[in-house]
Amino acid sequence: MTTLQKGDKAPQFSALDQDGKPHTLSDYAGKKLVIFFYPAASTPSCTVEACNLRDNYERFKANNYELLGVSADTAKKQSNFKAKFELPFPLLADVDKVIINAFGVWGPKKFMGREFDGIHRTTFVIDEKGTIEEVIVKVKTKEHSDQILG
């Protein structure tokens, strides 16, 4: 779905998290950044994915990684999701799909025989200089941390 590839510069972005705090790509300079896009907060697969990342959060921190979750949900929905599952990382409320479109993860999907537009579950690993190190399009929600950290 996305046309971004390993070696590309990550798109610049600015968005508000669940608490209204702004985040930009430059905020994460000098750290590795994992941006994971998911279809909808508090849905079964998205919850499994976010909780797998939560359960391995110390491994990420130990390896100089920061994590950001992104969906088109409202800040309130993101806030509820973060609180309910005690997620230790920010969730960006990209209601206008600015980041989602910049990373190219919005498009036609099929689910239970129905076609609609939505977010393709995709994760980007960005290095300390803002270059994409890896694009994971076949996300395994139960093993996602291992997919990223190896």
Protein backbone atom coordinates (compact mmCIF):
# COMPACT_ATOMS: atom_id res chain seq x y z
CA MET A 1 0.00 0.00 0.00
CA THR A 2 2.56 2.62 1.08
CA THR A 3 5.16 3.72 -1.46
CA LEU A 4 7.65 4.62 1.27
CA GLN A 5 10.59 2.24 1.45
CA LYS A 6 13.70 1.51 3.46
CA GLY A 7 16.18 4.36 2.87
CA ASP A 8 13.51 7.03 2.25
CA LYS A 9 13.33 10.09 4.49
CA ALA A 10 10.34 9.85 6.82
CA PRO A 11 7.65 12.46 6.13
CA GLN A 12 7.68 15.45 8.46
CA PHE A 13 4.59 15.51 10.65
CA SER A 14 2.95 17.41 13.44
CA ALA A 15 -0.04 16.03 15.33
CA LEU A 16 -1.66 16.07 18.74
CA ASP A 17 -1.74 13.06 21.02
CA GLN A 18 -4.55 11.83 23.28
CA ASP A 19 -3.87 14.68 25.74
CA GLY A 20 -3.55 17.46 23.15
CA LYS A 21 0.27 17.47 23.35
CA PRO A 22 1.97 18.13 19.97
CA HIS A 23 4.43 15.65 18.46
CA THR A 24 6.66 16.24 15.42
CA LEU A 25 9.24 14.07 13.69
CA SER A 26 12.00 16.44 14.82
CA ASP A 27 11.04 15.82 18.48
CA TYR A 28 12.52 12.34 18.03
CA ALA A 29 15.85 13.30 16.42
CA GLY A 30 18.64 11.24 17.96
CA LYS A 31 16.29 8.38 18.86
CA LYS A 32 14.88 5.49 16.89
CA LEU A 33 11.16 5.90 16.35
CA VAL A 34 8.55 3.24 15.77
CA ILE A 35 5.34 4.65 14.29
CA PHE A 36 2.60 2.06 14.14
CA PHE A 37 -0.60 2.80 12.26
CA TYR A 38 -3.68 0.86 13.31
CA PRO A 39 -7.28 0.92 12.03
CA ALA A 40 -9.21 1.72 15.22
CA ALA A 41 -8.60 2.08 18.95
CA SER A 42 -10.00 -0.62 21.23
CA THR A 43 -10.81 -3.08 18.45
CA PRO A 44 -9.58 -6.67 18.99
CA SER A 45 -6.51 -6.81 16.68
CA CYS A 46 -5.45 -3.25 17.46
CA THR A 47 -5.66 -4.01 21.19
CA VAL A 48 -3.54 -7.16 20.80
CA GLU A 49 -0.92 -5.19 18.83
CA ALA A 50 -0.79 -2.24 21.25
CA CYS A 51 -0.62 -4.54 24.30
CA ASN A 52 2.22 -6.56 22.73
CA LEU A 53 4.17 -3.31 22.26
CA ARG A 54 3.26 -2.26 25.82
CA ASP A 55 4.46 -5.57 27.27
CA ASN A 56 7.82 -5.14 25.50
CA TYR A 57 8.14 -1.39 26.14
CA GLU A 58 11.20 -1.75 28.38
CA ARG A 59 12.99 -3.65 25.58
CA PHE A 60 12.27 -0.74 23.22
CA LYS A 61 13.46 1.87 25.74
CA ALA A 62 16.65 -0.14 26.41
CA ASN A 63 17.42 0.02 22.67
CA ASN A 64 16.80 3.82 22.37
CA TYR A 65 13.39 3.45 20.71
CA GLU A 66 10.36 5.69 21.15
CA LEU A 67 6.91 4.51 20.07
CA LEU A 68 3.98 6.40 18.59
CA GLY A 69 0.62 4.89 17.74
CA VAL A 70 -1.48 6.58 15.04
CA SER A 71 -5.09 6.15 13.98
CA ALA A 72 -7.87 8.40 12.74
CA ASP A 73 -9.64 8.15 16.10
CA THR A 74 -10.52 11.22 18.17
CA ALA A 75 -8.30 12.29 21.06
CA LYS A 76 -11.01 11.10 23.48
CA LYS A 77 -11.11 7.62 21.94
CA GLN A 78 -7.29 7.47 21.95
CA SER A 79 -7.24 8.64 25.58
CA ASN A 80 -9.72 5.93 26.61
CA PHE A 81 -7.70 3.28 24.73
CA LYS A 82 -4.44 4.40 26.36
CA ALA A 83 -5.98 4.47 29.86
CA LYS A 84 -7.92 1.20 29.57
CA PHE A 85 -4.86 -0.80 28.48
CA GLU A 86 -2.23 1.28 30.36
CA LEU A 87 -0.28 2.03 27.18
CA PRO A 88 3.00 3.80 28.05
CA PHE A 89 3.40 5.58 24.68
CA PRO A 90 1.52 8.46 23.02
CA LEU A 91 -1.36 7.80 20.62
CA LEU A 92 -1.79 10.43 17.92
CA ALA A 93 -5.33 11.43 17.00
CA ASP A 94 -4.97 11.95 13.24
CA VAL A 95 -8.66 12.67 12.60
CA ASP A 96 -7.87 14.67 9.43
CA LYS A 97 -5.59 11.83 8.20
CA VAL A 98 -2.64 14.18 7.56
CA ILE A 99 0.03 11.75 8.85
CA ILE A 100 -1.92 8.73 7.62
CA ASN A 101 -1.89 10.13 4.08
CA ALA A 102 1.73 11.36 4.33
CA PHE A 103 2.82 7.79 5.13
CA GLY A 104 0.47 6.36 2.48
CA VAL A 105 -1.39 3.91 4.70
CA TRP A 106 -4.98 4.95 3.82
CA GLY A 107 -6.77 3.14 1.03
CA PRO A 108 -9.26 0.51 -0.08
CA LYS A 109 -9.64 -2.55 2.15
CA LYS A 110 -11.83 -5.61 2.20
CA PHE A 111 -13.35 -7.04 5.34
CA MET A 112 -16.03 -9.73 5.46
CA GLY A 113 -16.84 -9.25 1.79
CA ARG A 114 -17.27 -5.50 2.14
CA GLU A 115 -14.98 -2.96 0.51
CA PHE A 116 -14.24 0.37 2.20
CA ASP A 117 -11.43 2.88 2.73
CA GLY A 118 -9.41 2.59 5.90
CA ILE A 119 -5.99 2.39 7.50
CA HIS A 120 -3.73 -0.44 6.42
CA ARG A 121 -2.01 -1.74 9.57
CA THR A 122 1.60 -0.72 8.88
CA THR A 123 4.64 0.02 11.04
CA PHE A 124 7.59 2.25 10.19
CA VAL A 125 10.93 2.05 11.99
CA ILE A 126 12.79 5.36 11.63
CA ASP A 127 16.44 5.84 12.56
CA GLU A 128 18.01 8.66 14.59
CA LYS A 129 18.42 10.83 11.48
CA GLY A 130 14.83 10.50 10.24
CA THR A 131 15.48 7.81 7.62
CA ILE A 132 13.14 4.84 7.32
CA GLU A 133 14.98 1.68 8.40
CA GLU A 134 12.10 -0.72 7.92
CA VAL A 135 8.50 -0.84 6.72
CA ILE A 136 6.41 -3.69 8.14
CA VAL A 137 3.25 -4.26 6.13
CA LYS A 138 2.51 -7.81 7.31
CA VAL A 139 2.10 -6.98 10.99
CA LYS A 140 1.74 -9.97 13.29
CA THR A 141 -0.20 -8.39 16.15
CA LYS A 142 0.75 -10.99 18.78
CA GLU A 143 4.47 -10.92 17.86
CA HIS A 144 4.91 -7.36 16.68
CA SER A 145 7.68 -6.42 19.12
CA ASP A 146 9.77 -9.35 17.89
CA GLN A 147 9.15 -8.29 14.29
CA ILE A 148 10.60 -4.87 15.10
CA LEU A 149 13.39 -5.77 17.54
CA GLY A 150 14.36 -9.07 15.90
